[in-house]
C-alpha atoms as a PDB file:
ATOM      1  CA  MET A   1     -21.710  13.074  43.641  1.00  0.00           C
ATOM      2  CA  GLY A   2     -20.453  10.902  39.906  1.00  0.00           C
ATOM      3  CA  THR A   3     -22.493   7.309  39.920  1.00  0.00           C
ATOM      4  CA  CYS A   4     -20.058   4.320  40.409  1.00  0.00           C
ATOM      5  CA  VAL A   5     -18.944   2.436  37.673  1.00  0.00           C
ATOM      6  CA  MET A   6     -18.137  -1.314  38.002  1.00  0.00           C
ATOM      7  CA  ALA A   7     -15.878  -1.811  35.150  1.00  0.00           C
ATOM      8  CA  ASP A   8     -15.246  -5.204  32.958  1.00  0.00           C
ATOM      9  CA  PRO A   9     -11.956  -5.747  33.326  1.00  0.00           C
ATOM     10  CA  VAL A  10     -11.667  -6.441  30.149  1.00  0.00           C
ATOM     11  CA  VAL A  11     -13.211  -3.353  28.700  1.00  0.00           C
ATOM     12  CA  ALA A  12     -11.425  -1.769  31.068  1.00  0.00           C
ATOM     13  CA  ARG A  13      -7.857  -3.035  29.701  1.00  0.00           C
ATOM     14  CA  GLU A  14      -9.139  -2.780  26.471  1.00  0.00           C
ATOM     15  CA  LEU A  15      -9.688   1.406  26.695  1.00  0.00           C
ATOM     16  CA  LEU A  16      -6.127   1.841  28.577  1.00  0.00           C
ATOM     17  CA  ARG A  17      -4.444   0.000  25.830  1.00  0.00           C
ATOM     18  CA  ASN A  18      -6.321   1.912  22.863  1.00  0.00           C
ATOM     19  CA  ARG A  19      -6.503   5.147  25.164  1.00  0.00           C
ATOM     20  CA  GLU A  20      -3.905   6.766  23.224  1.00  0.00           C
ATOM     21  CA  SER A  21      -6.287   5.444  19.634  1.00  0.00           C
ATOM     22  CA  LEU A  22      -9.199   6.652  20.913  1.00  0.00           C
ATOM     23  CA  PHE A  23      -7.777  10.182  21.777  1.00  0.00           C
ATOM     24  CA  ALA A  24      -5.973  10.891  18.529  1.00  0.00           C
ATOM     25  CA  PHE A  25      -9.626   9.882  16.940  1.00  0.00           C
ATOM     26  CA  LEU A  26     -11.311  12.648  19.197  1.00  0.00           C
ATOM     27  CA  LEU A  27      -8.466  15.173  18.484  1.00  0.00           C
ATOM     28  CA  ALA A  28      -9.096  14.829  15.109  1.00  0.00           C
ATOM     29  CA  LEU A  29     -12.824  15.653  15.814  1.00  0.00           C
ATOM     30  CA  VAL A  30     -12.935  18.600  17.930  1.00  0.00           C
ATOM     31  CA  ARG A  31      -8.544  19.603  17.106  1.00  0.00           C
ATOM     32  CA  ASP A  32      -8.512  20.995  20.814  1.00  0.00           C
ATOM     33  CA  PHE A  33      -6.320  18.880  23.570  1.00  0.00           C
ATOM     34  CA  ASN A  34      -8.242  19.914  26.538  1.00  0.00           C
ATOM     35  CA  GLU A  35     -11.751  19.946  24.596  1.00  0.00           C
ATOM     36  CA  ALA A  36     -10.651  15.841  23.394  1.00  0.00           C
ATOM     37  CA  GLU A  37      -9.042  14.878  26.679  1.00  0.00           C
ATOM     38  CA  GLU A  38     -12.947  16.008  28.429  1.00  0.00           C
ATOM     39  CA  LEU A  39     -14.631  14.205  25.542  1.00  0.00           C
ATOM     40  CA  PHE A  40     -11.990  11.099  26.446  1.00  0.00           C
ATOM     41  CA  GLN A  41     -12.884  11.194  30.092  1.00  0.00           C
ATOM     42  CA  GLU A  42     -16.786  11.232  28.861  1.00  0.00           C
ATOM     43  CA  ILE A  43     -16.423   8.650  26.026  1.00  0.00           C
ATOM     44  CA  SER A  44     -14.617   6.077  29.022  1.00  0.00           C
ATOM     45  CA  LEU A  45     -17.424   6.288  31.194  1.00  0.00           C
ATOM     46  CA  ARG A  46     -19.875   5.751  28.855  1.00  0.00           C
ATOM     47  CA  ILE A  47     -17.766   3.094  27.282  1.00  0.00           C
ATOM     48  CA  LEU A  48     -16.928   1.193  30.549  1.00  0.00           C
ATOM     49  CA  GLU A  49     -20.735   1.651  31.538  1.00  0.00           C
ATOM     50  CA  ARG A  50     -21.864   0.248  28.333  1.00  0.00           C
ATOM     51  CA  ALA A  51     -18.902  -2.824  28.121  1.00  0.00           C
ATOM     52  CA  GLY A  52     -21.376  -5.466  27.797  1.00  0.00           C
ATOM     53  CA  ASP A  53     -21.898  -4.690  24.534  1.00  0.00           C
ATOM     54  CA  PHE A  54     -18.109  -5.639  23.382  1.00  0.00           C
ATOM     55  CA  GLU A  55     -18.069  -8.961  22.248  1.00  0.00           C
ATOM     56  CA  PRO A  56     -14.413  -9.953  23.496  1.00  0.00           C
ATOM     57  CA  GLY A  57     -12.262 -11.435  20.528  1.00  0.00           C
ATOM     58  CA  THR A  58     -13.370  -8.420  18.503  1.00  0.00           C
ATOM     59  CA  ASN A  59     -11.657  -5.873  17.723  1.00  0.00           C
ATOM     60  CA  PHE A  60     -11.589  -2.910  20.629  1.00  0.00           C
ATOM     61  CA  GLY A  61     -10.392   0.412  18.584  1.00  0.00           C
ATOM     62  CA  ALA A  62     -12.768   0.073  16.036  1.00  0.00           C
ATOM     63  CA  TRP A  63     -15.766  -0.387  18.623  1.00  0.00           C
ATOM     64  CA  ALA A  64     -14.722   2.304  20.579  1.00  0.00           C
ATOM     65  CA  ARG A  65     -14.436   4.158  17.778  1.00  0.00           C
ATOM     66  CA  GLU A  66     -17.639   3.393  16.510  1.00  0.00           C
ATOM     67  CA  PHE A  67     -19.380   3.993  19.942  1.00  0.00           C
ATOM     68  CA  ALA A  68     -17.341   7.551  20.776  1.00  0.00           C
ATOM     69  CA  ARG A  69     -18.829   7.847  16.752  1.00  0.00           C
ATOM     70  CA  ARG A  70     -22.765   7.782  17.429  1.00  0.00           C
ATOM     71  CA  THR A  71     -22.354   8.686  21.116  1.00  0.00           C
ATOM     72  CA  LEU A  72     -21.252  12.244  19.957  1.00  0.00           C
ATOM     73  CA  ARG A  73     -24.263  11.431  17.175  1.00  0.00           C
ATOM     74  CA  GLU A  74     -26.683  11.221  19.779  1.00  0.00           C
ATOM     75  CA  SER A  75     -25.935  13.299  22.245  1.00  0.00           C
ATOM     76  CA  ARG A  76     -26.857  17.009  21.461  1.00  0.00           C
ATOM     77  CA  ARG A  77     -24.768  17.926  24.531  1.00  0.00           C
ATOM     78  CA  LEU A  78     -21.648  16.456  23.090  1.00  0.00           C
ATOM     79  CA  ARG A  79     -22.521  17.072  18.948  1.00  0.00           C
ATOM     80  CA  GLY A  80     -22.089  20.842  20.179  1.00  0.00           C
ATOM     81  CA  ARG A  81     -18.714  20.144  21.271  1.00  0.00           C
ATOM     82  CA  LEU A  82     -17.858  18.779  17.045  1.00  0.00           C
ATOM     83  CA  LEU A  83     -16.002  21.103  14.881  1.00  0.00           C
ATOM     84  CA  LEU A  84     -17.161  17.998  11.327  1.00  0.00           C
ATOM     85  CA  SER A  85     -20.844  17.666   9.785  1.00  0.00           C
ATOM     86  CA  ASP A  86     -21.936  13.283  10.510  1.00  0.00           C
ATOM     87  CA  LYS A  87     -20.549  13.326   6.808  1.00  0.00           C
ATOM     88  CA  ALA A  88     -16.880  14.454   8.275  1.00  0.00           C
ATOM     89  CA  LEU A  89     -17.346  12.462  11.329  1.00  0.00           C
ATOM     90  CA  ASP A  90     -17.973   9.660   9.228  1.00  0.00           C
ATOM     91  CA  GLY A  91     -14.924  10.263   7.199  1.00  0.00           C
ATOM     92  CA  VAL A  92     -11.696  10.349  10.175  1.00  0.00           C
ATOM     93  CA  ALA A  93     -13.735   7.828  11.191  1.00  0.00           C
ATOM     94  CA  ALA A  94     -12.939   5.622   8.150  1.00  0.00           C
ATOM     95  CA  GLY A  95     -10.292   6.895   7.784  1.00  0.00           C
ATOM     96  CA  PHE A  96      -8.763   5.544  11.436  1.00  0.00           C
ATOM     97  CA  ALA A  97     -10.213   2.254  10.639  1.00  0.00           C
ATOM     98  CA  ALA A  98      -8.111   1.845   7.140  1.00  0.00           C
ATOM     99  CA  VAL A  99      -5.433   2.487   9.167  1.00  0.00           C
ATOM    100  CA  GLU A 100      -5.437   0.149  11.537  1.00  0.00           C
ATOM    101  CA  ASP A 101      -6.216  -2.038   8.979  1.00  0.00           C
ATOM    102  CA  SER A 102      -2.945  -1.541   7.180  1.00  0.00           C
ATOM    103  CA  THR A 103      -1.001  -1.451  10.584  1.00  0.00           C
ATOM    104  CA  LEU A 104      -2.156  -4.505  11.067  1.00  0.00           C
ATOM    105  CA  HIS A 105      -1.494  -6.086   8.248  1.00  0.00           C
ATOM    106  CA  ARG A 106       1.988  -5.159   8.410  1.00  0.00           C
ATOM    107  CA  LYS A 107       2.323  -6.371  12.595  1.00  0.00           C
ATOM    108  CA  GLN A 108       0.749  -9.623  11.082  1.00  0.00           C
ATOM    109  CA  ALA A 109       3.353  -9.672   7.969  1.00  0.00           C
ATOM    110  CA  LEU A 110       6.156  -8.199   9.942  1.00  0.00           C
ATOM    111  CA  ASP A 111       4.926 -11.483  12.504  1.00  0.00           C
ATOM    112  CA  HIS A 112       5.439 -14.132   9.733  1.00  0.00           C
ATOM    113  CA  CYS A 113       8.382 -13.120   8.782  1.00  0.00           C
ATOM    114  CA  LEU A 114      10.178 -13.324  12.377  1.00  0.00           C
ATOM    115  CA  GLY A 115       8.752 -15.864  12.945  1.00  0.00           C
ATOM    116  CA  ARG A 116      10.933 -17.323   9.217  1.00  0.00           C
ATOM    117  CA  LEU A 117      13.828 -15.705  11.451  1.00  0.00           C
ATOM    118  CA  ASP A 118      16.954 -18.446  12.171  1.00  0.00           C
ATOM    119  CA  GLU A 119      17.450 -18.053  15.992  1.00  0.00           C
ATOM    120  CA  ALA A 120      20.798 -16.186  15.693  1.00  0.00           C
ATOM    121  CA  ALA A 121      18.898 -13.251  13.906  1.00  0.00           C
ATOM    122  CA  ARG A 122      15.997 -13.615  15.801  1.00  0.00           C
ATOM    123  CA  ARG A 123      18.072 -13.401  18.975  1.00  0.00           C
ATOM    124  CA  LEU A 124      19.912 -10.737  17.634  1.00  0.00           C
ATOM    125  CA  VAL A 125      16.552  -8.741  16.886  1.00  0.00           C
ATOM    126  CA  ASP A 126      15.521  -9.979  20.304  1.00  0.00           C
ATOM    127  CA  LEU A 127      18.249  -7.999  22.271  1.00  0.00           C
ATOM    128  CA  ARG A 128      18.143  -4.676  20.005  1.00  0.00           C
ATOM    129  CA  TYR A 129      14.643  -4.505  20.190  1.00  0.00           C
ATOM    130  CA  GLY A 130      13.145  -6.675  22.738  1.00  0.00           C
ATOM    131  CA  GLN A 131      15.542  -6.359  25.507  1.00  0.00           C
ATOM    132  CA  GLY A 132      16.831  -2.775  24.322  1.00  0.00           C
ATOM    133  CA  LEU A 133      20.243  -3.184  24.086  1.00  0.00           C
ATOM    134  CA  SER A 134      22.830  -1.072  22.359  1.00  0.00           C
ATOM    135  CA  MET A 135      25.082  -1.955  18.891  1.00  0.00           C
ATOM    136  CA  GLY A 136      28.225  -2.241  22.283  1.00  0.00           C
ATOM    137  CA  ALA A 137      26.011  -4.394  24.419  1.00  0.00           C
ATOM    138  CA  VAL A 138      24.982  -6.978  22.081  1.00  0.00           C
ATOM    139  CA  GLY A 139      28.928  -6.881  20.775  1.00  0.00           C
ATOM    140  CA  GLU A 140      29.557  -7.212  24.544  1.00  0.00           C
ATOM    141  CA  ARG A 141      27.416 -10.479  25.093  1.00  0.00           C
ATOM    142  CA  ASP A 142      28.240 -11.937  22.094  1.00  0.00           C
ATOM    143  CA  SER A 143      32.561 -11.329  22.296  1.00  0.00           C
ATOM    144  CA  ARG A 144      31.953  -9.091  18.713  1.00  0.00           C
ATOM    145  CA  SER A 145      32.514  -5.773  18.027  1.00  0.00           C
ATOM    146  CA  PRO A 146      29.928  -3.453  17.494  1.00  0.00           C
ATOM    147  CA  GLY A 147      30.998  -2.881  14.110  1.00  0.00           C
ATOM    148  CA  ALA A 148      30.591  -6.469  13.507  1.00  0.00           C
ATOM    149  CA  VAL A 149      27.140  -6.658  15.387  1.00  0.00           C
ATOM    150  CA  GLN A 150      25.988  -2.940  13.292  1.00  0.00           C
ATOM    151  CA  VAL A 151      26.911  -5.068   9.686  1.00  0.00           C
ATOM    152  CA  ALA A 152      25.206  -8.174  11.235  1.00  0.00           C
ATOM    153  CA  HIS A 153      21.532  -6.168  12.411  1.00  0.00           C
ATOM    154  CA  SER A 154      21.661  -4.193   9.171  1.00  0.00           C
ATOM    155  CA  ARG A 155      21.473  -7.737   7.122  1.00  0.00           C
ATOM    156  CA  VAL A 156      19.165  -9.286   9.150  1.00  0.00           C
ATOM    157  CA  ARG A 157      16.630  -5.680   8.958  1.00  0.00           C
ATOM    158  CA  THR A 158      17.245  -5.908   5.548  1.00  0.00           C
ATOM    159  CA  ARG A 159      15.824  -9.218   5.269  1.00  0.00           C
ATOM    160  CA  LEU A 160      12.757  -8.585   7.324  1.00  0.00           C
ATOM    161  CA  ALA A 161      12.483  -5.271   5.412  1.00  0.00           C
ATOM    162  CA  ASP A 162      12.130  -7.189   1.707  1.00  0.00           C
ATOM    163  CA  SER A 163       9.791 -10.394   3.397  1.00  0.00           C
ATOM    164  CA  VAL A 164       7.214  -8.116   4.815  1.00  0.00           C
ATOM    165  CA  ARG A 165       7.041  -5.888   1.451  1.00  0.00           C
ATOM    166  CA  SER A 166       7.177  -8.924  -0.357  1.00  0.00           C
ATOM    167  CA  ARG A 167       4.407 -10.548   1.833  1.00  0.00           C
ATOM    168  CA  LEU A 168       2.500  -7.369   1.769  1.00  0.00           C
ATOM    169  CA  ALA A 169       2.353  -7.396  -2.022  1.00  0.00           C
ATOM    170  CA  GLY A 170       1.268 -10.916  -1.943  1.00  0.00           C
ATOM    171  CA  GLU A 171       4.423 -12.995  -2.510  1.00  0.00           C
ATOM    172  CA  VAL A 172       5.447 -16.048  -1.373  1.00  0.00           C
ATOM    173  CA  ALA A 173       7.768 -14.228   1.225  1.00  0.00           C
ATOM    174  CA  PRO A 174      11.696 -14.974   0.952  1.00  0.00           C
END
């Protein structure tokens, strides 16, 4: 029988939250879905065993990818499954880190810009995206036609897009 791993609940939750990203990283390394799934399971068990190495409050996704990269480099059994050299492995890891940084900056900019919207615009965004309502359903709630909701929604999206672009460009967001 296998070893029972007592998982740190924070690490277990973060592993579940970052599953897709870690799996995508492993898939980029081996380029085979089944192989990536097996690697993901093995790396996940090792992450849970070494949960004490993770510092809560830091970037779990980056930590897990670095853990996987190091594990793959060090484990001859796992390394034999890679199609990439160590240099290529490092390049893939750097690429994932860059995408994550870019996504984080965009999310922070969007959060900031959402916070600057007036209450009516924020409510419209929440009804449409937070609650997933159609334009017609939003219109019914607000006693407006779907066309009027579409126009208002389009204006809010344009304001948000302009604000995010300005913020990412380093300008003061409108």
